[in-house]
Protein backbone atom coordinates (compact mmCIF):
# COMPACT_ATOMS: atom_id res chain seq x y z
CA MET A 1 -15.38 9.35 -65.86
CA VAL A 2 -13.88 11.51 -64.05
CA GLY A 3 -16.60 11.58 -61.30
CA VAL A 4 -16.04 7.92 -60.88
CA ARG A 5 -12.59 9.14 -59.80
CA LYS A 6 -13.46 12.09 -58.14
CA VAL A 7 -15.34 9.10 -55.79
CA ARG A 8 -12.66 7.02 -55.55
CA THR A 9 -10.16 9.89 -54.11
CA LEU A 10 -12.42 10.74 -51.69
CA VAL A 11 -13.29 7.44 -50.14
CA VAL A 12 -9.27 6.72 -50.51
CA VAL A 13 -8.40 9.95 -48.44
CA VAL A 14 -11.60 9.59 -45.73
CA VAL A 15 -10.27 5.71 -45.60
CA VAL A 16 -6.20 7.46 -44.59
CA CYS A 17 -7.92 10.08 -42.26
CA THR A 18 -9.63 7.62 -40.05
CA VAL A 19 -6.24 5.18 -40.01
CA VAL A 20 -4.57 8.69 -38.90
CA VAL A 21 -6.98 9.37 -36.54
CA VAL A 22 -7.19 5.67 -34.93
CA VAL A 23 -3.64 5.88 -34.80
CA ARG A 24 -2.81 9.28 -33.06
CA GLN A 25 -5.63 7.95 -30.40
CA ALA A 26 -3.94 4.92 -29.84
CA GLY A 27 -1.07 6.63 -29.16
CA GLN A 28 -3.33 9.16 -26.72
CA GLY A 29 -4.25 5.76 -24.47
CA VAL A 30 -8.04 6.62 -25.40
CA TRP A 31 -10.14 4.61 -24.01
CA ARG A 32 -13.32 2.11 -25.61
CA GLY A 33 -15.94 -0.36 -24.09
CA HIS A 34 -14.99 -1.13 -21.04
CA GLY A 35 -11.90 0.68 -20.43
CA ARG A 36 -9.67 -0.81 -22.60
CA GLY A 37 -7.42 1.40 -24.43
CA GLU A 38 -7.06 0.63 -27.78
CA GLU A 39 -3.74 0.08 -28.35
CA ALA A 40 -4.02 -2.89 -26.51
CA GLU A 41 -7.41 -3.37 -28.64
CA VAL A 42 -4.96 -3.50 -32.01
CA ARG A 43 -2.29 -6.02 -30.31
CA GLU A 44 -4.98 -8.01 -29.73
CA GLY A 45 -6.58 -7.74 -32.80
CA ARG A 46 -3.05 -8.40 -34.30
CA GLY A 47 -2.97 -11.10 -32.19
CA GLU A 48 -0.22 -10.28 -29.36
CA ALA A 49 -0.49 -11.53 -25.82
CA LYS A 50 -3.07 -9.34 -24.06
CA ASP A 51 -1.50 -7.06 -21.35
CA PRO A 52 -2.07 -8.07 -18.16
CA LEU A 53 -2.73 -3.98 -17.40
CA ALA A 54 -5.79 -3.86 -19.17
CA GLY A 55 -7.75 -5.39 -17.35
CA LEU A 56 -6.70 -3.60 -14.30
CA VAL A 57 -8.20 -0.48 -12.00
CA VAL A 58 -6.80 0.86 -9.81
CA LEU A 59 -9.01 3.10 -7.16
CA VAL A 60 -7.53 5.31 -4.87
CA ARG A 61 -9.67 4.90 -1.64
CA GLU A 62 -7.65 6.51 1.14
CA PHE A 63 -7.60 9.79 0.86
CA GLU A 64 -8.13 13.17 3.38
CA THR A 65 -10.10 15.92 1.92
CA PHE A 66 -7.64 18.43 4.17
CA ASP A 67 -4.68 17.02 3.09
CA ASN A 68 -3.87 14.88 -0.07
CA ASP A 69 -1.79 13.85 -2.51
CA VAL A 70 -3.86 12.41 -5.01
CA VAL A 71 -3.36 14.12 -8.44
CA GLU A 72 0.26 13.25 -7.62
CA THR A 73 -0.57 9.30 -6.92
CA VAL A 74 -3.23 9.20 -9.58
CA VAL A 75 -0.38 11.02 -12.14
CA SER A 76 1.58 8.24 -10.98
CA VAL A 77 -1.04 5.45 -11.86
CA LEU A 78 -1.31 6.83 -15.45
CA ARG A 79 2.31 6.93 -16.18
CA GLY A 80 3.45 3.83 -14.62
CA CYS A 81 0.80 1.33 -16.26
CA GLY A 82 1.84 2.99 -19.84
CA GLY A 83 -1.61 4.31 -20.21
CA VAL A 84 -3.33 0.99 -20.12
CA CYS A 85 -5.31 0.70 -16.94
CA ARG A 86 -8.48 2.88 -15.35
CA ALA A 87 -8.12 4.70 -12.36
CA ALA A 88 -10.85 6.31 -9.95
CA VAL A 89 -10.62 8.24 -6.91
CA VAL A 90 -13.35 7.26 -4.72
CA SER A 91 -14.98 9.27 -1.70
CA ASP A 92 -17.71 9.58 0.35
CA GLN A 93 -18.89 12.69 -0.11
CA VAL A 94 -17.81 15.42 -3.05
CA VAL A 95 -14.32 16.22 -2.86
CA TYR A 96 -13.94 19.58 -1.57
CA PRO A 97 -11.69 21.34 -2.16
CA PRO A 98 -12.13 20.15 -5.39
CA LEU A 99 -9.12 18.23 -7.03
CA ALA A 100 -7.86 19.02 -10.35
CA LEU A 101 -7.66 15.42 -11.46
CA PRO A 102 -7.06 14.78 -15.06
CA PRO A 103 -9.14 14.24 -17.68
CA ARG A 104 -9.27 10.78 -17.87
CA ILE A 105 -9.36 10.08 -14.15
CA SER A 106 -12.94 9.60 -12.36
CA SER A 107 -14.61 10.57 -10.05
CA ILE A 108 -16.59 7.99 -7.88
CA VAL A 109 -19.00 9.88 -5.34
CA LEU A 110 -20.10 6.41 -2.99
CA THR A 111 -22.96 8.36 -0.96
CA PRO A 112 -26.09 9.91 -3.03
CA ASP A 113 -27.98 12.76 -2.56
CA LEU A 114 -31.12 14.22 -3.98
CA LEU A 115 -30.48 14.87 -7.70
CA ARG A 116 -26.92 11.71 -7.76
CA PRO A 117 -27.73 8.29 -6.98
CA ARG A 118 -25.81 5.70 -5.53
CA PRO A 119 -23.06 4.52 -8.13
CA SER A 120 -23.06 1.09 -9.59
CA LEU A 121 -19.58 -0.89 -8.75
CA HIS A 122 -20.37 -3.46 -10.99
CA GLN A 123 -20.69 -1.01 -13.43
CA LEU A 124 -18.11 0.61 -12.88
CA LEU A 125 -15.78 -1.93 -12.57
CA ALA A 126 -17.23 -4.47 -15.29
CA GLY A 127 -14.38 -5.76 -17.55
CA ALA A 128 -12.11 -5.29 -15.23
CA ALA A 129 -10.07 -8.51 -13.59
CA HIS A 130 -7.99 -6.93 -11.22
CA VAL A 131 -8.98 -4.44 -8.29
CA LEU A 132 -5.50 -2.50 -7.12
CA LEU A 133 -6.76 -0.41 -3.88
CA LEU A 134 -4.38 2.34 -4.05
CA PRO A 135 -3.41 4.78 -0.67
CA ASP A 136 -3.23 8.35 -1.44
CA GLY A 137 1.33 9.18 -1.93
CA ALA A 138 1.82 6.16 -3.47
CA ARG A 139 3.66 6.09 -6.20
CA VAL A 140 3.92 3.61 -9.16
CA SER A 141 7.86 3.24 -10.61
CA SER A 142 6.92 1.21 -13.65
CA SER A 143 4.19 -1.56 -15.70
CA GLY A 144 6.46 -4.07 -14.00
CA GLN A 145 6.13 -2.94 -10.83
CA LEU A 146 1.84 -3.54 -11.52
CA GLN A 147 2.48 -6.69 -13.65
CA ASP A 148 4.20 -8.16 -10.63
CA LEU A 149 2.00 -7.45 -8.37
CA VAL A 150 -0.31 -9.31 -11.11
CA ALA A 151 1.28 -12.19 -11.69
CA MET A 152 1.50 -12.77 -7.30
CA LEU A 153 -2.07 -12.45 -7.68
CA GLU A 154 -2.71 -14.96 -10.55
CA GLY A 155 0.02 -17.55 -9.36
CA GLY A 156 -0.75 -17.76 -5.64
CA ASP A 157 -3.60 -19.26 -4.11
CA ALA A 158 -4.23 -15.97 -1.66
CA GLN A 159 -7.28 -13.83 -2.26
CA VAL A 160 -4.98 -10.59 -1.61
CA VAL A 161 -1.88 -9.61 -2.85
CA ALA A 162 -0.43 -6.92 -0.43
CA VAL A 163 2.57 -4.15 -0.97
CA GLY A 164 3.59 -1.63 1.21
CA VAL A 165 4.01 2.04 0.34
CA GLY A 166 7.02 3.75 1.39
CA GLY A 167 9.80 2.44 3.77
CA THR A 168 7.48 1.43 6.54
CA PRO A 169 7.29 -2.80 6.38
CA LEU A 170 3.61 -4.10 6.89
CA THR A 171 2.70 -6.09 9.66
CA CYS A 172 1.43 -9.58 9.58
CA HIS A 173 -1.81 -10.18 11.18
CA ARG A 174 -3.59 -14.32 12.23
CA TYR A 175 -7.55 -12.92 12.18
CA THR A 176 -9.95 -15.24 14.71
CA LEU A 177 -13.71 -13.75 14.06
CA GLN A 178 -16.35 -15.24 15.96
CA VAL A 179 -19.19 -14.08 14.29
CA ALA A 180 -21.90 -15.34 16.52
CA ALA A 181 -19.25 -13.76 19.44
CA TRP A 182 -19.29 -10.66 17.92
CA THR A 183 -15.62 -10.84 18.31
CA LEU A 184 -12.62 -10.13 16.70
CA THR A 185 -8.95 -11.28 18.28
CA VAL A 186 -5.83 -10.43 16.90
CA ALA A 187 -2.55 -12.31 17.29
CA PRO A 188 0.95 -11.39 15.17
CA ALA A 189 2.24 -13.77 12.34
CA PRO A 190 5.67 -12.46 12.41
CA GLN A 191 7.75 -13.56 9.24
CA SER A 192 4.74 -14.78 7.58
CA GLU A 193 4.20 -14.11 3.92
CA ALA A 194 0.25 -15.57 4.06
CA CYS A 195 -1.38 -13.58 7.29
CA ASP A 196 -5.76 -13.56 7.37
CA ALA A 197 -4.72 -9.25 7.66
CA VAL A 198 -2.41 -5.96 6.95
CA SER A 199 -1.67 -2.89 8.85
CA GLY A 200 0.45 -0.33 7.52
CA ARG A 201 0.14 1.71 4.35
CA ALA A 202 -0.68 -0.82 2.22
CA ALA A 203 -1.41 -1.42 -1.29
CA LEU A 204 -3.87 -4.30 -2.03
CA LEU A 205 -4.92 -6.20 -5.41
CA LEU A 206 -7.74 -8.44 -5.93
CA HIS A 207 -9.70 -10.08 -8.49
CA THR A 208 -12.42 -8.19 -9.21
CA LYS A 209 -15.13 -10.57 -8.92
CA ASP A 210 -13.69 -10.59 -4.98
CA LEU A 211 -14.21 -7.14 -4.37
CA LEU A 212 -17.62 -7.10 -5.45
CA ALA A 213 -18.46 -9.90 -3.44
CA LEU A 214 -18.39 -8.59 0.23
CA THR A 215 -20.97 -6.87 1.39
CA HIS A 216 -18.86 -3.01 2.21
CA PRO A 217 -16.36 -3.50 -0.62
CA LEU A 218 -14.78 0.18 0.55
CA SER A 219 -15.30 0.80 4.09
CA ARG A 220 -12.82 2.45 5.22
CA PRO A 221 -10.21 1.82 6.89
CA ILE A 222 -9.63 -0.36 3.56
CA PRO A 223 -7.18 -2.72 5.58
CA LEU A 224 -8.66 -3.56 7.77
CA SER A 225 -12.35 -4.23 6.76
CA ILE A 226 -10.79 -6.01 3.49
CA GLY A 227 -9.23 -8.07 6.48
CA ILE A 228 -11.96 -8.47 8.38
CA GLN A 229 -14.09 -9.66 6.16
CA GLY A 230 -11.82 -11.46 4.12
CA ALA A 231 -11.44 -13.30 8.10
CA ALA A 232 -15.31 -14.56 7.06
CA ARG A 233 -14.51 -16.12 4.10
CA GLY A 234 -11.53 -18.09 4.88
CA TRP A 235 -9.16 -15.33 2.91
CA LYS A 236 -5.39 -14.87 2.83
CA VAL A 237 -3.51 -12.42 2.31
CA HIS A 238 -0.40 -12.89 1.01
CA VAL A 239 2.79 -10.46 1.48
CA GLY A 240 4.53 -8.98 -1.56
CA ARG A 241 7.91 -8.31 0.64
CA GLY A 242 9.44 -6.94 -2.24
CA GLY A 243 9.55 -3.73 -4.78
CA LEU A 244 7.03 -1.56 -2.53
CA LEU A 245 5.65 0.84 -4.32
CA GLY A 246 7.28 4.49 -3.20
CA GLU A 247 6.23 7.56 -1.66
CA GLY A 248 5.13 11.38 -2.09
CA ARG A 249 5.16 13.86 0.02
CA GLN A 250 4.81 13.83 3.55
CA LEU A 251 1.20 14.31 4.64
CA TYR A 252 -0.25 15.21 7.62
CA SER A 253 3.55 17.03 8.81
CA THR A 254 1.65 19.03 11.85
CA GLU A 255 0.09 17.57 15.28
CA HIS A 256 -3.05 19.28 13.73
CA LEU A 257 -3.26 17.11 11.18
CA ARG A 258 -2.10 13.85 12.27
CA TRP A 259 -4.84 14.86 15.28
CA LYS A 260 -7.10 14.99 12.29
CA LYS A 261 -6.38 12.15 10.38
CA ASP A 262 -6.65 10.42 13.57
CA GLY A 263 -9.61 11.51 15.26
CA LEU A 264 -11.36 10.34 11.34
CA ASP A 265 -8.86 6.34 11.56
CA GLU A 266 -10.80 6.04 14.82
CA GLU A 267 -14.47 7.72 13.44
CA ARG A 268 -14.68 5.11 10.24
CA ARG A 269 -13.25 2.65 12.41
CA VAL A 270 -16.17 2.61 15.10
CA SER A 271 -18.28 2.92 11.94
CA LEU A 272 -16.84 -0.27 10.33
CA TYR A 273 -17.46 -2.49 13.39
CA ALA A 274 -21.02 -1.47 13.62
CA ALA A 275 -21.73 -2.57 10.07
CA LEU A 276 -19.39 -5.75 10.62
CA GLY A 277 -21.19 -7.05 13.36
CA VAL A 278 -18.14 -6.26 15.99
CA LYS A 279 -18.84 -5.71 19.63
CA LYS A 280 -15.47 -6.64 20.67
CA VAL A 281 -11.92 -6.91 19.92
CA VAL A 282 -8.69 -8.70 21.50
CA SER A 283 -6.08 -7.19 20.29
CA SER A 284 -2.09 -8.93 20.31
CA GLY A 285 -1.15 -7.88 22.95
CA GLY A 286 -4.14 -8.81 25.13
CA ASP A 287 -6.04 -5.59 25.61
CA VAL A 288 -9.72 -6.32 24.93
CA HIS A 289 -11.73 -3.43 22.92
CA TRP A 290 -15.49 -2.51 23.40
CA TYR A 291 -17.54 -1.45 20.39
CA GLY A 292 -20.88 -2.48 21.43
CA CYS A 293 -23.22 -0.73 23.97
CA THR A 294 -21.97 1.04 27.90
CA ARG A 295 -23.65 1.61 30.71
CA ALA A 296 -24.05 5.31 29.57
CA THR A 297 -26.10 4.04 26.25
CA PRO A 298 -29.33 1.47 25.55
CA ARG A 299 -28.70 -1.94 25.22
CA CYS A 300 -27.83 -3.12 21.86
CA PHE A 301 -30.59 -5.39 21.57
CA PRO A 302 -34.93 -4.05 21.57
CA THR A 303 -37.42 -5.57 23.93
CA VAL A 304 -37.69 -9.68 23.43
CA VAL A 305 -40.80 -11.52 21.90
CA GLN A 306 -41.30 -14.92 22.41
CA ASP A 307 -38.16 -15.67 24.34
CA THR A 308 -36.45 -14.86 21.30
CA PRO A 309 -33.57 -11.84 21.10
CA GLN A 310 -33.39 -9.62 18.15
CA TYR A 311 -29.73 -11.29 17.39
CA LEU A 312 -31.29 -14.93 17.72
CA HIS A 313 -32.69 -14.07 14.26
CA LEU A 314 -29.52 -12.63 13.28
CA GLY A 315 -27.58 -15.62 13.47
CA ARG A 316 -25.84 -13.83 16.78
CA TRP A 317 -25.47 -14.40 19.81
CA THR A 318 -25.56 -12.30 22.92
CA PRO A 319 -22.97 -9.48 22.27
CA PRO A 320 -20.28 -9.70 24.43
CA CYS A 321 -20.59 -5.87 25.87
CA CYS A 322 -24.05 -7.25 27.12
CA LEU A 323 -22.37 -10.43 28.72
CA GLU A 324 -20.40 -7.70 30.27
CA GLY A 325 -22.81 -5.53 31.71
CA LEU A 326 -24.73 -9.03 33.17
CA ARG A 327 -22.00 -10.02 34.63
CA ALA A 328 -21.15 -6.71 36.90
CA THR A 329 -25.47 -6.82 37.45
CA ALA A 330 -25.63 -9.42 38.44
CA ARG A 331 -21.91 -9.40 40.79
CA HIS A 332 -23.59 -6.21 42.01
CA VAL A 333 -26.72 -7.98 43.22
CA PHE A 334 -25.03 -11.15 44.31
CA GLN A 335 -22.87 -9.21 46.76
CA VAL A 336 -26.55 -6.88 47.82
CA LEU A 337 -27.80 -10.36 48.95
CA LYS A 338 -25.10 -11.39 51.35
CA GLY A 339 -24.60 -8.37 52.59
CA CYS A 340 -28.43 -8.40 53.87
CA ARG A 341 -28.16 -11.70 54.95
CA ALA A 342 -31.48 -12.79 52.58
CA ARG A 343 -31.32 -16.43 51.48
CA TRP A 344 -30.96 -16.37 47.08
CA TRP A 345 -29.47 -18.73 44.83
CA LEU A 346 -29.39 -18.65 40.60
CA GLU A 347 -32.39 -19.65 39.18
CA GLY A 348 -33.35 -21.33 35.44
CA GLY A 349 -31.14 -20.33 32.97
CA SER A 350 -28.66 -18.98 34.71
CA LEU A 351 -28.32 -21.55 36.75
CA LEU A 352 -28.13 -23.62 33.81
CA GLY A 353 -25.23 -21.53 32.57
CA ALA A 354 -23.03 -21.91 35.99
CA VAL A 355 -22.95 -25.90 35.49
CA ARG A 356 -22.19 -25.56 32.05
CA SER A 357 -19.56 -23.32 31.76
CA GLY A 358 -19.28 -21.33 35.26
CA ASP A 359 -21.02 -18.50 32.97
CA ILE A 360 -24.16 -17.19 31.70
CA ILE A 361 -25.37 -19.25 28.36
CA PRO A 362 -24.06 -17.16 25.54
CA TRP A 363 -27.69 -16.40 23.65
CA ASP A 364 -28.86 -15.39 27.42
CA TYR A 365 -30.22 -12.00 27.78
CA ASP A 366 -30.97 -11.94 31.45
CA VAL A 367 -29.63 -13.34 35.25
CA ASP A 368 -32.32 -15.13 37.47
CA ILE A 369 -32.53 -15.41 40.61
CA GLY A 370 -33.84 -16.92 43.68
CA ILE A 371 -35.34 -15.46 47.22
CA TYR A 372 -36.89 -16.60 50.46
CA ALA A 373 -39.59 -14.09 49.90
CA SER A 374 -39.54 -13.49 53.72
CA ASP A 375 -36.08 -12.37 53.29
CA VAL A 376 -36.60 -9.58 50.98
CA ASP A 377 -37.74 -6.90 53.90
CA ARG A 378 -34.05 -7.41 54.56
CA CYS A 379 -32.57 -5.74 52.04
CA PRO A 380 -33.91 -1.93 51.93
CA ALA A 381 -32.96 -1.21 48.12
CA LEU A 382 -35.65 -4.40 48.01
CA LYS A 383 -37.78 -3.41 50.42
CA SER A 384 -37.81 0.42 48.84
CA ALA A 385 -38.32 -1.08 45.28
CA ARG A 386 -41.64 -2.27 46.44
CA TRP A 387 -43.38 1.16 46.29
CA GLN A 388 -40.39 2.86 43.86
CA THR A 389 -37.35 2.87 41.24
CA LEU A 390 -34.47 3.14 43.13
CA GLU A 391 -30.81 3.54 41.90
CA ASP A 392 -28.09 3.00 44.43
CA GLY A 393 -24.81 4.56 45.04
CA GLU A 394 -23.28 2.62 42.33
CA GLY A 395 -25.58 3.38 39.24
CA PHE A 396 -27.77 0.26 39.35
CA VAL A 397 -31.14 0.27 39.79
CA TRP A 398 -33.67 -1.60 41.47
CA GLN A 399 -37.43 -1.63 40.91
CA ARG A 400 -40.77 -4.14 40.85
CA ALA A 401 -40.97 -5.75 37.80
CA ALA A 402 -44.06 -4.46 35.64
CA GLU A 403 -44.94 -8.04 35.22
CA GLY A 404 -45.46 -9.45 38.48
CA GLY A 405 -44.66 -9.64 41.94
CA PHE A 406 -40.98 -10.25 41.29
CA PHE A 407 -38.31 -7.42 41.23
CA ARG A 408 -35.43 -6.59 39.01
CA VAL A 409 -32.47 -4.44 39.03
CA HIS A 410 -31.00 -2.34 35.70
CA TYR A 411 -27.64 -2.07 34.47
CA SER A 412 -28.62 1.81 34.96
CA THR A 413 -30.75 4.54 33.89
CA ALA A 414 -30.13 3.97 30.15
CA ASN A 415 -29.13 0.82 30.13
CA HIS A 416 -31.57 -1.91 31.26
CA LEU A 417 -29.59 -5.28 31.20
CA HIS A 418 -30.93 -6.72 34.02
CA VAL A 419 -31.50 -9.43 36.63
CA ASP A 420 -34.75 -10.73 38.04
CA ILE A 421 -35.07 -11.22 41.48
CA PHE A 422 -38.00 -13.94 42.24
CA PRO A 423 -39.81 -14.71 45.96
CA PHE A 424 -40.37 -18.18 46.22
CA THR A 425 -42.63 -19.01 49.88
CA PRO A 426 -41.66 -21.93 51.46
CA ARG A 427 -45.44 -24.28 51.96
CA GLY A 428 -45.85 -27.86 53.59
CA GLY A 429 -41.99 -28.44 51.58
CA THR A 430 -42.59 -26.75 48.50
CA MET A 431 -41.38 -23.66 47.29
CA THR A 432 -44.20 -21.15 46.14
CA ARG A 433 -44.13 -18.57 43.46
CA GLY A 434 -45.02 -15.37 45.72
CA GLY A 435 -47.53 -13.29 44.48
CA ALA A 436 -48.64 -15.64 42.32
CA TRP A 437 -46.13 -14.35 39.38
CA ASN A 438 -45.75 -15.83 36.37
CA THR A 439 -43.24 -14.94 33.61
CA GLY A 440 -44.43 -17.67 31.19
CA HIS A 441 -40.68 -19.59 30.97
CA ARG A 442 -40.85 -22.90 31.27
CA GLN A 443 -38.54 -22.67 34.94
CA ASP A 444 -41.67 -20.91 36.46
CA VAL A 445 -42.82 -23.81 38.81
CA ASP A 446 -42.57 -24.08 42.00
CA PHE A 447 -40.20 -26.89 43.38
CA PRO A 448 -39.47 -29.05 46.50
CA GLU A 449 -37.90 -26.76 49.33
CA HIS A 450 -35.22 -29.36 50.40
CA PHE A 451 -33.13 -28.63 47.35
CA LEU A 452 -32.12 -25.22 49.20
CA ARG A 453 -31.59 -27.10 52.56
CA PRO A 454 -28.47 -26.18 52.54
CA LEU A 455 -28.01 -24.02 49.67
CA ALA A 456 -24.15 -25.33 47.97
CA ALA A 457 -21.75 -22.69 45.66
CA ILE A 458 -21.34 -22.80 41.84
CA THR A 459 -18.95 -20.12 39.78
CA PHE A 460 -21.23 -18.13 38.08
CA ALA A 461 -19.66 -15.23 35.98
CA GLY A 462 -16.51 -15.29 37.84
CA VAL A 463 -17.57 -15.41 41.58
CA LEU A 464 -19.07 -17.90 44.23
CA ALA A 465 -23.24 -17.77 43.93
CA ALA A 466 -25.31 -19.28 45.80
CA ALA A 467 -26.89 -22.99 44.48
CA PRO A 468 -29.51 -25.42 45.29
CA ASN A 469 -27.58 -28.22 46.22
CA ASN A 470 -28.32 -30.60 44.03
CA VAL A 471 -28.30 -28.90 40.38
CA ARG A 472 -29.25 -31.74 37.56
CA ASP A 473 -32.61 -32.88 39.63
CA PHE A 474 -33.67 -29.41 40.26
CA LEU A 475 -32.59 -28.04 36.26
CA GLU A 476 -34.28 -31.24 34.97
CA LEU A 477 -37.65 -30.48 36.87
CA LYS A 478 -37.49 -27.11 35.78
CA PHE A 479 -36.39 -27.76 31.94
CA GLY A 480 -36.60 -31.69 31.67
CA PRO A 481 -33.88 -34.76 31.48
CA GLY A 482 -31.36 -34.16 29.60
CA VAL A 483 -31.30 -30.24 30.14
CA ILE A 484 -27.44 -30.08 30.92
CA GLU A 485 -26.04 -32.13 28.13
CA THR A 486 -28.94 -30.98 24.94
CA PRO A 487 -28.15 -26.55 24.51
CA GLN A 488 -30.91 -25.53 22.63
CA TYR A 489 -32.54 -21.54 22.56
CA PRO A 490 -35.13 -20.80 25.10
CA ASN A 491 -38.10 -20.62 22.63
CA PRO A 492 -37.15 -24.08 20.58
CA ASP A 493 -40.32 -24.36 18.40
CA LEU A 494 -39.64 -20.71 16.75
CA GLN A 495 -38.34 -21.65 13.10
CA LEU A 496 -34.78 -19.55 13.41
CA PRO A 497 -32.89 -18.50 10.12
CA HIS A 498 -29.41 -20.44 11.96
CA ASN A 499 -29.00 -23.79 13.14
CA LEU A 500 -27.61 -23.45 17.00
CA THR A 501 -25.49 -26.76 16.41
CA ALA A 502 -23.38 -25.24 13.36
CA LEU A 503 -23.03 -21.60 15.64
CA LEU A 504 -22.08 -23.96 18.35
CA HIS A 505 -18.72 -25.31 16.31
CA THR A 506 -18.01 -21.43 15.21
């Protein structure tokens, strides 16, 4: 009997100690499972309402290693949410100098190395209903502040809730994203609470499932990244006008630190545009900013195979920077040919684009010109190009095409966007291909000379260009009936992942 009493006493002591440990851990907010505090689990076990912050993960992503307030920012988060939510600091590389983070704050490094695998965001955010992307230096004053943000997201039809940090208000924007044209147009949306995107020091709250559905969920700058990707998906951003988050110490207080910060921001912006396929940005003031190729760089697409540029396989059209380079090259060639009094005209797809829109076809990759073969020697650049490559005084490169007896004018020595000049010789009233050149294009056919007697004029790439006198008959001879009204890709027999009709309406 004495042995039984001792066993019973031992069991009671163990149970009491276990309860004490659980209570102490609950009071300290130790995380279990997917990061919920045991206090929240105990409340749920008693049938109490679930704390809306139990499913919240706060990520501090926008910060710099050389000047930051990250530690105080995450401490503010832990205090503000009462130990219920989770928090982590996210960086591309291992942070140096190291951050003295509280024990409960995770440090997530996105870039893998030899011994560190790439982290899985799905695992890191498992069990979380909401993610708050918090900029460095923000201060959370209370759990009510965070609960209000969650309530705004759950109670509205927007996919993102944005709230400002400090005294600077957020700016609301309308984004028009033309995916096929690689173009983002930004317009102001004053006094609006339903934006496409915001700029400024913003904290952004999203449903976890929405963040994880993005192709670049944590790319910086965060507001721009979320704005572009959201615009592509038809998202809206609700701007919380009240309840601004507080702000800690002033960051980047010297001119050198601001210069360093601005340089990194621009580098990230360029990288983001490259990753998302944005090469032209039209600002709210109408200014155009280019993020694609230039005269000093190679063009944006490789050698064309089967008349189908690489970008068509991506569901895109000619990058706008390439179209600008083609326009500049075409205008230069027009000027040179006019100056040497050569008889020339727009050919093929370039003439087709001029008739349809007065410009290059949106998916075309060169400009085609016809010329009387007997007029080639009138132009010194063309005459020289028979035997050698020539870079003219404005940096355009003239050469005889490797494919045959025609000429090619490149945008520059680095960028091989080009204009093709095809010589034709009149024989018995028919314009025949001089030198029997053949590019394999459908428009490489002889045609009656009466289309050139007289030559007409047509708008193309912002200037007047010479053209055949009956463009409809001329184009239908080259391409077939109804070609003007029926756009199609250069190789209609090739299966592409995207439909032309759908792209025409993007």
